[in-house]
Protein backbone atom coordinates (compact mmCIF):
# COMPACT_ATOMS: atom_id res chain seq x y z
CA UNK A 1 76.41 56.24 -59.85
CA UNK A 2 74.61 53.19 -61.22
CA UNK A 3 72.38 53.88 -64.18
CA UNK A 4 68.97 52.24 -64.55
CA UNK A 5 67.24 51.15 -67.74
CA UNK A 6 64.82 53.73 -69.10
CA UNK A 7 61.63 52.19 -67.59
CA UNK A 8 63.16 51.15 -64.27
CA UNK A 9 63.40 53.40 -61.25
CA UNK A 10 65.56 52.78 -58.19
CA UNK A 11 63.98 51.87 -54.87
CA UNK A 12 62.40 54.87 -53.16
CA UNK A 13 61.72 56.67 -56.44
CA UNK A 14 58.60 54.80 -57.52
CA UNK A 15 60.41 51.55 -58.28
CA UNK A 16 60.59 48.42 -56.15
CA UNK A 17 60.56 49.21 -52.45
CA UNK A 18 63.42 47.84 -50.41
CA UNK A 19 62.32 46.40 -47.08
CA UNK A 20 63.42 48.57 -44.20
CA UNK A 21 65.11 46.85 -41.31
CA UNK A 22 64.39 47.61 -37.69
CA UNK A 23 66.92 49.22 -35.40
CA UNK A 24 65.38 48.05 -32.14
CA UNK A 25 63.36 45.07 -31.01
CA UNK A 26 59.68 45.92 -30.63
CA UNK A 27 58.57 46.29 -27.03
CA UNK A 28 56.93 43.25 -25.46
CA UNK A 29 53.16 43.05 -25.62
CA UNK A 30 52.03 44.45 -22.29
CA UNK A 31 48.87 46.55 -22.58
CA UNK A 32 46.85 47.64 -19.56
CA UNK A 33 43.76 45.54 -18.91
CA UNK A 34 40.66 47.56 -18.03
CA UNK A 35 38.26 46.34 -15.38
CA UNK A 36 35.66 44.01 -16.88
CA UNK A 37 32.97 46.07 -15.10
CA UNK A 38 33.73 49.15 -17.25
CA UNK A 39 32.56 49.96 -20.77
CA UNK A 40 36.19 49.65 -21.91
CA UNK A 41 36.27 46.18 -20.38
CA UNK A 42 33.09 45.17 -22.19
CA UNK A 43 34.47 46.47 -25.46
CA UNK A 44 37.78 44.65 -24.97
CA UNK A 45 36.02 41.38 -24.10
CA UNK A 46 33.95 41.57 -27.29
CA UNK A 47 36.99 42.45 -29.43
CA UNK A 48 39.04 39.62 -27.89
CA UNK A 49 36.26 37.23 -28.94
CA UNK A 50 36.87 38.40 -32.53
CA UNK A 51 33.90 40.76 -32.79
CA UNK A 52 34.01 43.93 -34.86
CA UNK A 53 31.65 46.62 -33.63
CA UNK A 54 30.17 49.89 -34.82
CA UNK A 55 28.34 52.43 -32.66
CA UNK A 56 24.80 51.01 -33.01
CA UNK A 57 26.00 47.46 -32.29
CA UNK A 58 27.98 48.50 -29.22
CA UNK A 59 25.06 50.64 -28.06
CA UNK A 60 22.90 47.52 -27.97
CA UNK A 61 25.51 45.75 -25.80
CA UNK A 62 26.61 48.54 -23.47
CA UNK A 63 23.78 51.09 -23.74
CA UNK A 64 26.10 53.92 -24.78
CA UNK A 65 27.05 55.88 -27.89
CA UNK A 66 30.59 56.58 -26.67
CA UNK A 67 32.27 53.72 -28.52
CA UNK A 68 34.94 55.99 -30.05
CA UNK A 69 35.97 57.20 -26.60
CA UNK A 70 36.27 53.66 -25.26
CA UNK A 71 38.23 52.51 -28.31
CA UNK A 72 40.58 55.48 -27.88
CA UNK A 73 41.07 54.58 -24.20
CA UNK A 74 42.04 51.03 -25.19
CA UNK A 75 44.53 52.45 -27.72
CA UNK A 76 46.09 54.62 -25.00
CA UNK A 77 46.38 51.52 -22.81
CA UNK A 78 48.45 49.74 -25.47
CA UNK A 79 45.84 47.78 -27.46
CA UNK A 80 46.03 47.94 -31.26
CA UNK A 81 42.41 48.80 -32.02
CA UNK A 82 41.79 49.26 -35.73
CA UNK A 83 39.31 51.80 -37.02
CA UNK A 84 37.59 50.88 -40.27
CA UNK A 85 35.03 53.01 -42.11
CA UNK A 86 31.81 51.59 -43.49
CA UNK A 87 28.65 52.99 -45.05
CA UNK A 88 26.23 54.10 -42.37
CA UNK A 89 23.11 53.91 -44.56
CA UNK A 90 21.71 50.78 -42.87
CA UNK A 91 21.92 52.54 -39.50
CA UNK A 92 21.29 56.21 -40.33
CA UNK A 93 19.25 56.07 -43.53
CA UNK A 94 21.88 58.27 -45.22
CA UNK A 95 25.07 57.44 -47.05
CA UNK A 96 27.75 58.49 -44.60
CA UNK A 97 30.83 56.94 -43.07
CA UNK A 98 30.64 55.35 -39.65
CA UNK A 99 33.45 53.68 -37.74
CA UNK A 100 33.78 49.95 -37.11
CA UNK A 101 36.35 48.86 -34.55
CA UNK A 102 38.35 45.64 -34.50
CA UNK A 103 41.31 44.37 -32.53
CA UNK A 104 44.52 43.50 -34.33
CA UNK A 105 44.68 39.68 -34.67
CA UNK A 106 48.20 39.69 -33.21
CA UNK A 107 46.81 41.26 -30.03
CA UNK A 108 44.13 38.58 -29.78
CA UNK A 109 46.74 35.83 -30.10
CA UNK A 110 49.09 37.50 -27.63
CA UNK A 111 46.28 38.08 -25.12
CA UNK A 112 45.26 34.43 -25.34
CA UNK A 113 48.87 33.49 -24.66
CA UNK A 114 49.01 35.82 -21.65
CA UNK A 115 45.79 34.44 -20.17
CA UNK A 116 46.74 30.79 -20.82
CA UNK A 117 50.44 31.14 -20.03
């Protein structure tokens, strides 16, 4: 067994992390596209334009407070929707966490390639 200097730990034990290889190729980007007439479609269109939205902002666009449900539906359909937490004080008057949703930039690029290609 190789010994390590006193202040150096091997990878995986708090030292430098070795990059893990992949066993399989990732699946091709092929999410389901919701109808543009649905709330999911409106959310996706805004996210594909680079918008990030929280509940009050989406409520102004789509007249609903079900943003989390629509974001979850997009995730189930194969989109990589990110959930970020921000301070809700400007919206609620209290310091609390509210969700802000964004689309992974790789999905935006891939979707543009699918629509243009």
